[in-house]
PDB file of N, CA and C in Angstrom:
ATOM      1  N   MET A   1      49.647  34.680 -36.457  1.00  0.00           N
ATOM      2  CA  MET A   1      49.324  36.010 -36.013  1.00  0.00           C
ATOM      3  C   MET A   1      49.497  36.095 -34.501  1.00  0.00           C
ATOM      4  N   LYS A   2      50.140  37.112 -34.047  1.00  0.00           N
ATOM      5  CA  LYS A   2      50.291  37.339 -32.610  1.00  0.00           C
ATOM      6  C   LYS A   2      49.291  38.409 -32.196  1.00  0.00           C
ATOM      7  N   LEU A   3      48.771  38.275 -30.990  1.00  0.00           N
ATOM      8  CA  LEU A   3      47.824  39.254 -30.491  1.00  0.00           C
ATOM      9  C   LEU A   3      48.460  40.643 -30.488  1.00  0.00           C
ATOM     10  N   PHE A   4      49.681  40.711 -30.028  1.00  0.00           N
ATOM     11  CA  PHE A   4      50.426  41.955 -30.060  1.00  0.00           C
ATOM     12  C   PHE A   4      51.730  41.684 -30.796  1.00  0.00           C
ATOM     13  N   ASN A   5      51.908  42.259 -31.971  1.00  0.00           N
ATOM     14  CA  ASN A   5      53.103  41.999 -32.766  1.00  0.00           C
ATOM     15  C   ASN A   5      54.348  42.629 -32.155  1.00  0.00           C
ATOM     16  N   ASP A   6      54.205  43.777 -31.509  1.00  0.00           N
ATOM     17  CA  ASP A   6      55.352  44.447 -30.910  1.00  0.00           C
ATOM     18  C   ASP A   6      55.308  44.249 -29.403  1.00  0.00           C
ATOM     19  N   THR A   7      55.778  43.095 -28.938  1.00  0.00           N
ATOM     20  CA  THR A   7      55.710  42.797 -27.502  1.00  0.00           C
ATOM     21  C   THR A   7      56.660  43.669 -26.696  1.00  0.00           C
ATOM     22  N   GLU A   8      57.660  44.267 -27.320  1.00  0.00           N
ATOM     23  CA  GLU A   8      58.588  45.127 -26.590  1.00  0.00           C
ATOM     24  C   GLU A   8      57.881  46.348 -26.012  1.00  0.00           C
ATOM     25  N   LEU A   9      56.765  46.750 -26.608  1.00  0.00           N
ATOM     26  CA  LEU A   9      56.003  47.884 -26.131  1.00  0.00           C
ATOM     27  C   LEU A   9      55.547  47.677 -24.695  1.00  0.00           C
ATOM     28  N   PHE A  10      55.309  46.431 -24.307  1.00  0.00           N
ATOM     29  CA  PHE A  10      54.763  46.133 -22.993  1.00  0.00           C
ATOM     30  C   PHE A  10      55.811  45.679 -21.979  1.00  0.00           C
ATOM     31  N   VAL A  11      57.056  45.654 -22.357  1.00  0.00           N
ATOM     32  CA  VAL A  11      58.098  45.117 -21.489  1.00  0.00           C
ATOM     33  C   VAL A  11      58.641  46.196 -20.564  1.00  0.00           C
ATOM     34  N   THR A  12      58.659  45.883 -19.273  1.00  0.00           N
ATOM     35  CA  THR A  12      59.259  46.786 -18.289  1.00  0.00           C
ATOM     36  C   THR A  12      60.344  46.048 -17.524  1.00  0.00           C
ATOM     37  N   GLY A  13      60.890  45.052 -18.097  1.00  0.00           N
ATOM     38  CA  GLY A  13      61.912  44.200 -17.513  1.00  0.00           C
ATOM     39  C   GLY A  13      62.069  43.046 -18.476  1.00  0.00           C
ATOM     40  N   SER A  14      62.453  41.900 -17.986  1.00  0.00           N
ATOM     41  CA  SER A  14      62.536  40.781 -18.906  1.00  0.00           C
ATOM     42  C   SER A  14      61.338  39.874 -18.685  1.00  0.00           C
ATOM     43  N   ARG A  15      60.544  39.730 -19.695  1.00  0.00           N
ATOM     44  CA  ARG A  15      59.388  38.840 -19.646  1.00  0.00           C
ATOM     45  C   ARG A  15      59.660  37.682 -20.574  1.00  0.00           C
ATOM     46  N   GLU A  16      59.494  36.504 -20.053  1.00  0.00           N
ATOM     47  CA  GLU A  16      59.722  35.328 -20.870  1.00  0.00           C
ATOM     48  C   GLU A  16      58.469  35.017 -21.671  1.00  0.00           C
ATOM     49  N   THR A  17      58.695  34.502 -22.868  1.00  0.00           N
ATOM     50  CA  THR A  17      57.581  34.077 -23.697  1.00  0.00           C
ATOM     51  C   THR A  17      57.739  32.599 -24.005  1.00  0.00           C
ATOM     52  N   THR A  18      56.620  31.935 -24.158  1.00  0.00           N
ATOM     53  CA  THR A  18      56.594  30.534 -24.544  1.00  0.00           C
ATOM     54  C   THR A  18      55.676  30.412 -25.743  1.00  0.00           C
ATOM     55  N   GLU A  19      56.181  29.858 -26.823  1.00  0.00           N
ATOM     56  CA  GLU A  19      55.348  29.638 -27.998  1.00  0.00           C
ATOM     57  C   GLU A  19      54.969  28.166 -28.053  1.00  0.00           C
ATOM     58  N   PHE A  20      53.699  27.915 -28.335  1.00  0.00           N
ATOM     59  CA  PHE A  20      53.174  26.557 -28.375  1.00  0.00           C
ATOM     60  C   PHE A  20      52.974  26.135 -29.824  1.00  0.00           C
ATOM     61  N   ASP A  21      53.434  24.942 -30.150  1.00  0.00           N
ATOM     62  CA  ASP A  21      53.300  24.410 -31.498  1.00  0.00           C
ATOM     63  C   ASP A  21      51.987  23.638 -31.595  1.00  0.00           C
ATOM     64  N   LEU A  22      50.941  24.326 -32.046  1.00  0.00           N
ATOM     65  CA  LEU A  22      49.626  23.717 -32.165  1.00  0.00           C
ATOM     66  C   LEU A  22      49.179  23.760 -33.623  1.00  0.00           C
ATOM     67  N   PRO A  23      48.457  22.744 -34.078  1.00  0.00           N
ATOM     68  CA  PRO A  23      48.002  22.758 -35.464  1.00  0.00           C
ATOM     69  C   PRO A  23      46.994  23.894 -35.693  1.00  0.00           C
ATOM     70  N   ASP A  24      47.174  24.618 -36.762  1.00  0.00           N
ATOM     71  CA  ASP A  24      46.266  25.695 -37.176  1.00  0.00           C
ATOM     72  C   ASP A  24      46.135  26.817 -36.151  1.00  0.00           C
ATOM     73  N   ALA A  25      47.149  27.029 -35.337  1.00  0.00           N
ATOM     74  CA  ALA A  25      47.082  28.108 -34.347  1.00  0.00           C
ATOM     75  C   ALA A  25      48.486  28.603 -34.008  1.00  0.00           C
ATOM     76  N   ASP A  26      48.581  29.886 -33.765  1.00  0.00           N
ATOM     77  CA  ASP A  26      49.806  30.489 -33.246  1.00  0.00           C
ATOM     78  C   ASP A  26      49.486  30.982 -31.844  1.00  0.00           C
ATOM     79  N   VAL A  27      50.065  30.342 -30.831  1.00  0.00           N
ATOM     80  CA  VAL A  27      49.780  30.691 -29.444  1.00  0.00           C
ATOM     81  C   VAL A  27      51.083  31.009 -28.740  1.00  0.00           C
ATOM     82  N   MET A  28      51.120  32.195 -28.097  1.00  0.00           N
ATOM     83  CA  MET A  28      52.303  32.597 -27.356  1.00  0.00           C
ATOM     84  C   MET A  28      51.868  33.068 -25.972  1.00  0.00           C
ATOM     85  N   LEU A  29      52.490  32.544 -24.939  1.00  0.00           N
ATOM     86  CA  LEU A  29      52.239  32.949 -23.562  1.00  0.00           C
ATOM     87  C   LEU A  29      53.301  33.960 -23.175  1.00  0.00           C
ATOM     88  N   ILE A  30      52.867  35.118 -22.703  1.00  0.00           N
ATOM     89  CA  ILE A  30      53.798  36.138 -22.224  1.00  0.00           C
ATOM     90  C   ILE A  30      53.680  36.164 -20.708  1.00  0.00           C
ATOM     91  N   ASP A  31      54.704  35.676 -20.025  1.00  0.00           N
ATOM     92  CA  ASP A  31      54.687  35.640 -18.566  1.00  0.00           C
ATOM     93  C   ASP A  31      54.623  37.056 -18.011  1.00  0.00           C
ATOM     94  N   ASN A  32      53.853  37.216 -16.939  1.00  0.00           N
ATOM     95  CA  ASN A  32      53.732  38.499 -16.237  1.00  0.00           C
ATOM     96  C   ASN A  32      53.283  39.634 -17.148  1.00  0.00           C
ATOM     97  N   PHE A  33      52.346  39.337 -18.067  1.00  0.00           N
ATOM     98  CA  PHE A  33      51.821  40.385 -18.951  1.00  0.00           C
ATOM     99  C   PHE A  33      51.164  41.476 -18.116  1.00  0.00           C
ATOM    100  N   PHE A  34      50.400  41.068 -17.085  1.00  0.00           N
ATOM    101  CA  PHE A  34      49.864  41.991 -16.092  1.00  0.00           C
ATOM    102  C   PHE A  34      50.561  41.693 -14.773  1.00  0.00           C
ATOM    103  N   ASN A  35      50.780  42.714 -13.967  1.00  0.00           N
ATOM    104  CA  ASN A  35      51.376  42.435 -12.659  1.00  0.00           C
ATOM    105  C   ASN A  35      50.316  41.820 -11.746  1.00  0.00           C
ATOM    106  N   LYS A  36      50.704  41.387 -10.566  1.00  0.00           N
ATOM    107  CA  LYS A  36      49.801  40.677  -9.650  1.00  0.00           C
ATOM    108  C   LYS A  36      48.606  41.527  -9.260  1.00  0.00           C
ATOM    109  N   GLU A  37      48.819  42.798  -8.967  1.00  0.00           N
ATOM    110  CA  GLU A  37      47.725  43.677  -8.556  1.00  0.00           C
ATOM    111  C   GLU A  37      46.712  43.853  -9.689  1.00  0.00           C
ATOM    112  N   GLU A  38      47.201  44.057 -10.919  1.00  0.00           N
ATOM    113  CA  GLU A  38      46.296  44.192 -12.066  1.00  0.00           C
ATOM    114  C   GLU A  38      45.515  42.902 -12.295  1.00  0.00           C
ATOM    115  N   SER A  39      46.211  41.779 -12.242  1.00  0.00           N
ATOM    116  CA  SER A  39      45.557  40.481 -12.440  1.00  0.00           C
ATOM    117  C   SER A  39      44.484  40.237 -11.392  1.00  0.00           C
ATOM    118  N   ASP A  40      44.799  40.504 -10.134  1.00  0.00           N
ATOM    119  CA  ASP A  40      43.819  40.325  -9.061  1.00  0.00           C
ATOM    120  C   ASP A  40      42.618  41.242  -9.262  1.00  0.00           C
ATOM    121  N   GLY A  41      42.859  42.471  -9.695  1.00  0.00           N
ATOM    122  CA  GLY A  41      41.768  43.412  -9.949  1.00  0.00           C
ATOM    123  C   GLY A  41      40.844  42.924 -11.057  1.00  0.00           C
ATOM    124  N   PHE A  42      41.422  42.444 -12.164  1.00  0.00           N
ATOM    125  CA  PHE A  42      40.610  41.913 -13.266  1.00  0.00           C
ATOM    126  C   PHE A  42      39.820  40.695 -12.809  1.00  0.00           C
ATOM    127  N   TYR A  43      40.466  39.807 -12.065  1.00  0.00           N
ATOM    128  CA  TYR A  43      39.801  38.599 -11.578  1.00  0.00           C
ATOM    129  C   TYR A  43      38.631  38.954 -10.658  1.00  0.00           C
ATOM    130  N   ASN A  44      38.879  39.826  -9.682  1.00  0.00           N
ATOM    131  CA  ASN A  44      37.832  40.209  -8.736  1.00  0.00           C
ATOM    132  C   ASN A  44      36.670  40.894  -9.444  1.00  0.00           C
ATOM    133  N   SER A  45      36.976  41.734 -10.414  1.00  0.00           N
ATOM    134  CA  SER A  45      35.927  42.395 -11.184  1.00  0.00           C
ATOM    135  C   SER A  45      35.103  41.379 -11.973  1.00  0.00           C
ATOM    136  N   LEU A  46      35.776  40.455 -12.604  1.00  0.00           N
ATOM    137  CA  LEU A  46      35.097  39.416 -13.377  1.00  0.00           C
ATOM    138  C   LEU A  46      34.191  38.577 -12.492  1.00  0.00           C
ATOM    139  N   MET A  47      34.672  38.213 -11.318  1.00  0.00           N
ATOM    140  CA  MET A  47      33.886  37.362 -10.424  1.00  0.00           C
ATOM    141  C   MET A  47      32.724  38.116  -9.770  1.00  0.00           C
ATOM    142  N   SER A  48      32.902  39.375  -9.432  1.00  0.00           N
ATOM    143  CA  SER A  48      31.856  40.093  -8.690  1.00  0.00           C
ATOM    144  C   SER A  48      30.870  40.841  -9.586  1.00  0.00           C
ATOM    145  N   GLU A  49      31.272  41.226 -10.783  1.00  0.00           N
ATOM    146  CA  GLU A  49      30.411  42.053 -11.623  1.00  0.00           C
ATOM    147  C   GLU A  49      29.763  41.300 -12.786  1.00  0.00           C
ATOM    148  N   THR A  50      30.109  40.057 -12.982  1.00  0.00           N
ATOM    149  CA  THR A  50      29.541  39.279 -14.079  1.00  0.00           C
ATOM    150  C   THR A  50      28.374  38.449 -13.567  1.00  0.00           C
ATOM    151  N   PRO A  51      27.234  38.492 -14.265  1.00  0.00           N
ATOM    152  CA  PRO A  51      26.071  37.716 -13.815  1.00  0.00           C
ATOM    153  C   PRO A  51      26.183  36.237 -14.201  1.00  0.00           C
ATOM    154  N   TRP A  52      27.006  35.495 -13.470  1.00  0.00           N
ATOM    155  CA  TRP A  52      27.203  34.075 -13.752  1.00  0.00           C
ATOM    156  C   TRP A  52      25.960  33.281 -13.371  1.00  0.00           C
ATOM    157  N   ARG A  53      25.687  32.189 -14.114  1.00  0.00           N
ATOM    158  CA  ARG A  53      24.580  31.308 -13.758  1.00  0.00           C
ATOM    159  C   ARG A  53      24.845  29.909 -14.285  1.00  0.00           C
ATOM    160  N   GLU A  54      24.167  28.943 -13.679  1.00  0.00           N
ATOM    161  CA  GLU A  54      24.221  27.572 -14.176  1.00  0.00           C
ATOM    162  C   GLU A  54      23.202  27.429 -15.299  1.00  0.00           C
ATOM    163  N   TYR A  55      23.372  26.426 -16.131  1.00  0.00           N
ATOM    164  CA  TYR A  55      22.350  26.149 -17.126  1.00  0.00           C
ATOM    165  C   TYR A  55      22.227  24.647 -17.318  1.00  0.00           C
ATOM    166  N   GLU A  56      21.061  24.257 -17.754  1.00  0.00           N
ATOM    167  CA  GLU A  56      20.796  22.848 -17.999  1.00  0.00           C
ATOM    168  C   GLU A  56      20.827  22.588 -19.490  1.00  0.00           C
ATOM    169  N   MET A  57      21.243  21.382 -19.841  1.00  0.00           N
ATOM    170  CA  MET A  57      21.332  21.031 -21.253  1.00  0.00           C
ATOM    171  C   MET A  57      20.905  19.577 -21.439  1.00  0.00           C
ATOM    172  N   PRO A  58      20.355  19.279 -22.615  1.00  0.00           N
ATOM    173  CA  PRO A  58      19.961  17.891 -22.875  1.00  0.00           C
ATOM    174  C   PRO A  58      21.195  17.036 -23.160  1.00  0.00           C
ATOM    175  N   MET A  59      21.239  15.858 -22.567  1.00  0.00           N
ATOM    176  CA  MET A  59      22.314  14.915 -22.841  1.00  0.00           C
ATOM    177  C   MET A  59      21.706  13.525 -22.889  1.00  0.00           C
ATOM    178  N   TYR A  60      21.752  12.960 -24.079  1.00  0.00           N
ATOM    179  CA  TYR A  60      21.129  11.663 -24.331  1.00  0.00           C
ATOM    180  C   TYR A  60      19.649  11.741 -23.984  1.00  0.00           C
ATOM    181  N   ASP A  61      19.186  11.017 -23.001  1.00  0.00           N
ATOM    182  CA  ASP A  61      17.756  10.989 -22.712  1.00  0.00           C
ATOM    183  C   ASP A  61      17.385  11.728 -21.429  1.00  0.00           C
ATOM    184  N   LYS A  62      18.264  12.632 -20.968  1.00  0.00           N
ATOM    185  CA  LYS A  62      17.944  13.369 -19.743  1.00  0.00           C
ATOM    186  C   LYS A  62      18.480  14.794 -19.826  1.00  0.00           C
ATOM    187  N   ILE A  63      18.096  15.612 -18.872  1.00  0.00           N
ATOM    188  CA  ILE A  63      18.572  16.993 -18.755  1.00  0.00           C
ATOM    189  C   ILE A  63      19.581  17.035 -17.611  1.00  0.00           C
ATOM    190  N   VAL A  64      20.766  17.587 -17.894  1.00  0.00           N
ATOM    191  CA  VAL A  64      21.824  17.669 -16.877  1.00  0.00           C
ATOM    192  C   VAL A  64      22.271  19.118 -16.713  1.00  0.00           C
ATOM    193  N   THR A  65      22.812  19.429 -15.556  1.00  0.00           N
ATOM    194  CA  THR A  65      23.395  20.752 -15.327  1.00  0.00           C
ATOM    195  C   THR A  65      24.789  20.762 -15.929  1.00  0.00           C
ATOM    196  N   ALA A  66      25.066  21.770 -16.732  1.00  0.00           N
ATOM    197  CA  ALA A  66      26.376  21.877 -17.382  1.00  0.00           C
ATOM    198  C   ALA A  66      27.465  22.028 -16.322  1.00  0.00           C
ATOM    199  N   PRO A  67      28.662  21.501 -16.589  1.00  0.00           N
ATOM    200  CA  PRO A  67      29.735  21.536 -15.583  1.00  0.00           C
ATOM    201  C   PRO A  67      30.487  22.866 -15.533  1.00  0.00           C
ATOM    202  N   ARG A  68      29.849  23.940 -15.968  1.00  0.00           N
ATOM    203  CA  ARG A  68      30.502  25.251 -15.932  1.00  0.00           C
ATOM    204  C   ARG A  68      29.434  26.323 -15.783  1.00  0.00           C
ATOM    205  N   MET A  69      29.843  27.467 -15.333  1.00  0.00           N
ATOM    206  CA  MET A  69      28.943  28.612 -15.218  1.00  0.00           C
ATOM    207  C   MET A  69      29.032  29.409 -16.520  1.00  0.00           C
ATOM    208  N   ILE A  70      27.940  30.093 -16.880  1.00  0.00           N
ATOM    209  CA  ILE A  70      27.955  30.923 -18.078  1.00  0.00           C
ATOM    210  C   ILE A  70      27.459  32.322 -17.732  1.00  0.00           C
ATOM    211  N   SER A  71      27.716  33.241 -18.622  1.00  0.00           N
ATOM    212  CA  SER A  71      27.151  34.577 -18.542  1.00  0.00           C
ATOM    213  C   SER A  71      26.733  34.943 -19.950  1.00  0.00           C
ATOM    214  N   TRP A  72      25.449  35.219 -20.137  1.00  0.00           N
ATOM    215  CA  TRP A  72      24.900  35.484 -21.461  1.00  0.00           C
ATOM    216  C   TRP A  72      24.805  36.985 -21.660  1.00  0.00           C
ATOM    217  N   HIS A  73      25.384  37.494 -22.747  1.00  0.00           N
ATOM    218  CA  HIS A  73      25.372  38.923 -23.056  1.00  0.00           C
ATOM    219  C   HIS A  73      24.808  39.101 -24.458  1.00  0.00           C
ATOM    220  N   GLN A  74      23.911  40.081 -24.620  1.00  0.00           N
ATOM    221  CA  GLN A  74      23.325  40.329 -25.933  1.00  0.00           C
ATOM    222  C   GLN A  74      22.828  41.757 -26.010  1.00  0.00           C
ATOM    223  N   ASP A  75      22.508  42.177 -27.227  1.00  0.00           N
ATOM    224  CA  ASP A  75      21.877  43.464 -27.438  1.00  0.00           C
ATOM    225  C   ASP A  75      20.470  43.400 -26.855  1.00  0.00           C
ATOM    226  N   ARG A  76      20.052  44.393 -26.128  1.00  0.00           N
ATOM    227  CA  ARG A  76      18.746  44.371 -25.454  1.00  0.00           C
ATOM    228  C   ARG A  76      17.582  44.181 -26.414  1.00  0.00           C
ATOM    229  N   GLU A  77      17.693  44.691 -27.630  1.00  0.00           N
ATOM    230  CA  GLU A  77      16.578  44.613 -28.560  1.00  0.00           C
ATOM    231  C   GLU A  77      16.473  43.267 -29.252  1.00  0.00           C
ATOM    232  N   GLU A  78      17.562  42.547 -29.335  1.00  0.00           N
ATOM    233  CA  GLU A  78      17.539  41.250 -30.015  1.00  0.00           C
ATOM    234  C   GLU A  78      17.115  40.175 -29.044  1.00  0.00           C
ATOM    235  N   LYS A  79      16.330  39.219 -29.547  1.00  0.00           N
ATOM    236  CA  LYS A  79      15.868  38.112 -28.718  1.00  0.00           C
ATOM    237  C   LYS A  79      16.476  36.811 -29.242  1.00  0.00           C
ATOM    238  N   TYR A  80      17.222  36.142 -28.380  1.00  0.00           N
ATOM    239  CA  TYR A  80      17.833  34.866 -28.741  1.00  0.00           C
ATOM    240  C   TYR A  80      17.494  33.846 -27.684  1.00  0.00           C
ATOM    241  N   SER A  81      17.501  32.613 -28.100  1.00  0.00           N
ATOM    242  CA  SER A  81      17.313  31.528 -27.148  1.00  0.00           C
ATOM    243  C   SER A  81      18.659  30.828 -26.965  1.00  0.00           C
ATOM    244  N   LEU A  82      18.945  30.414 -25.744  1.00  0.00           N
ATOM    245  CA  LEU A  82      20.187  29.684 -25.498  1.00  0.00           C
ATOM    246  C   LEU A  82      20.159  28.340 -26.211  1.00  0.00           C
ATOM    247  N   TRP A  83      18.991  27.775 -26.391  1.00  0.00           N
ATOM    248  CA  TRP A  83      18.850  26.491 -27.101  1.00  0.00           C
ATOM    249  C   TRP A  83      17.952  26.651 -28.267  1.00  0.00           C
TER     250      TRP A  83
END
């Protein structure tokens, strides 16, 4: 399955695609899907408007800080625990 079956809809020039042969997955990279300005805008929005935070997790016999930042999103009425 491709995310977008009709890739010609998004072409405004020649965009190269690369298909990856992975087990149980169909993955295709479409170069320049967004132009530089759009990509920078999405990146800046993601970095400035997302409430990123560190979290701690149990590993063996100690608590360690995870090597990545997370952002937890949920319905306000539902109560979930990260662990």
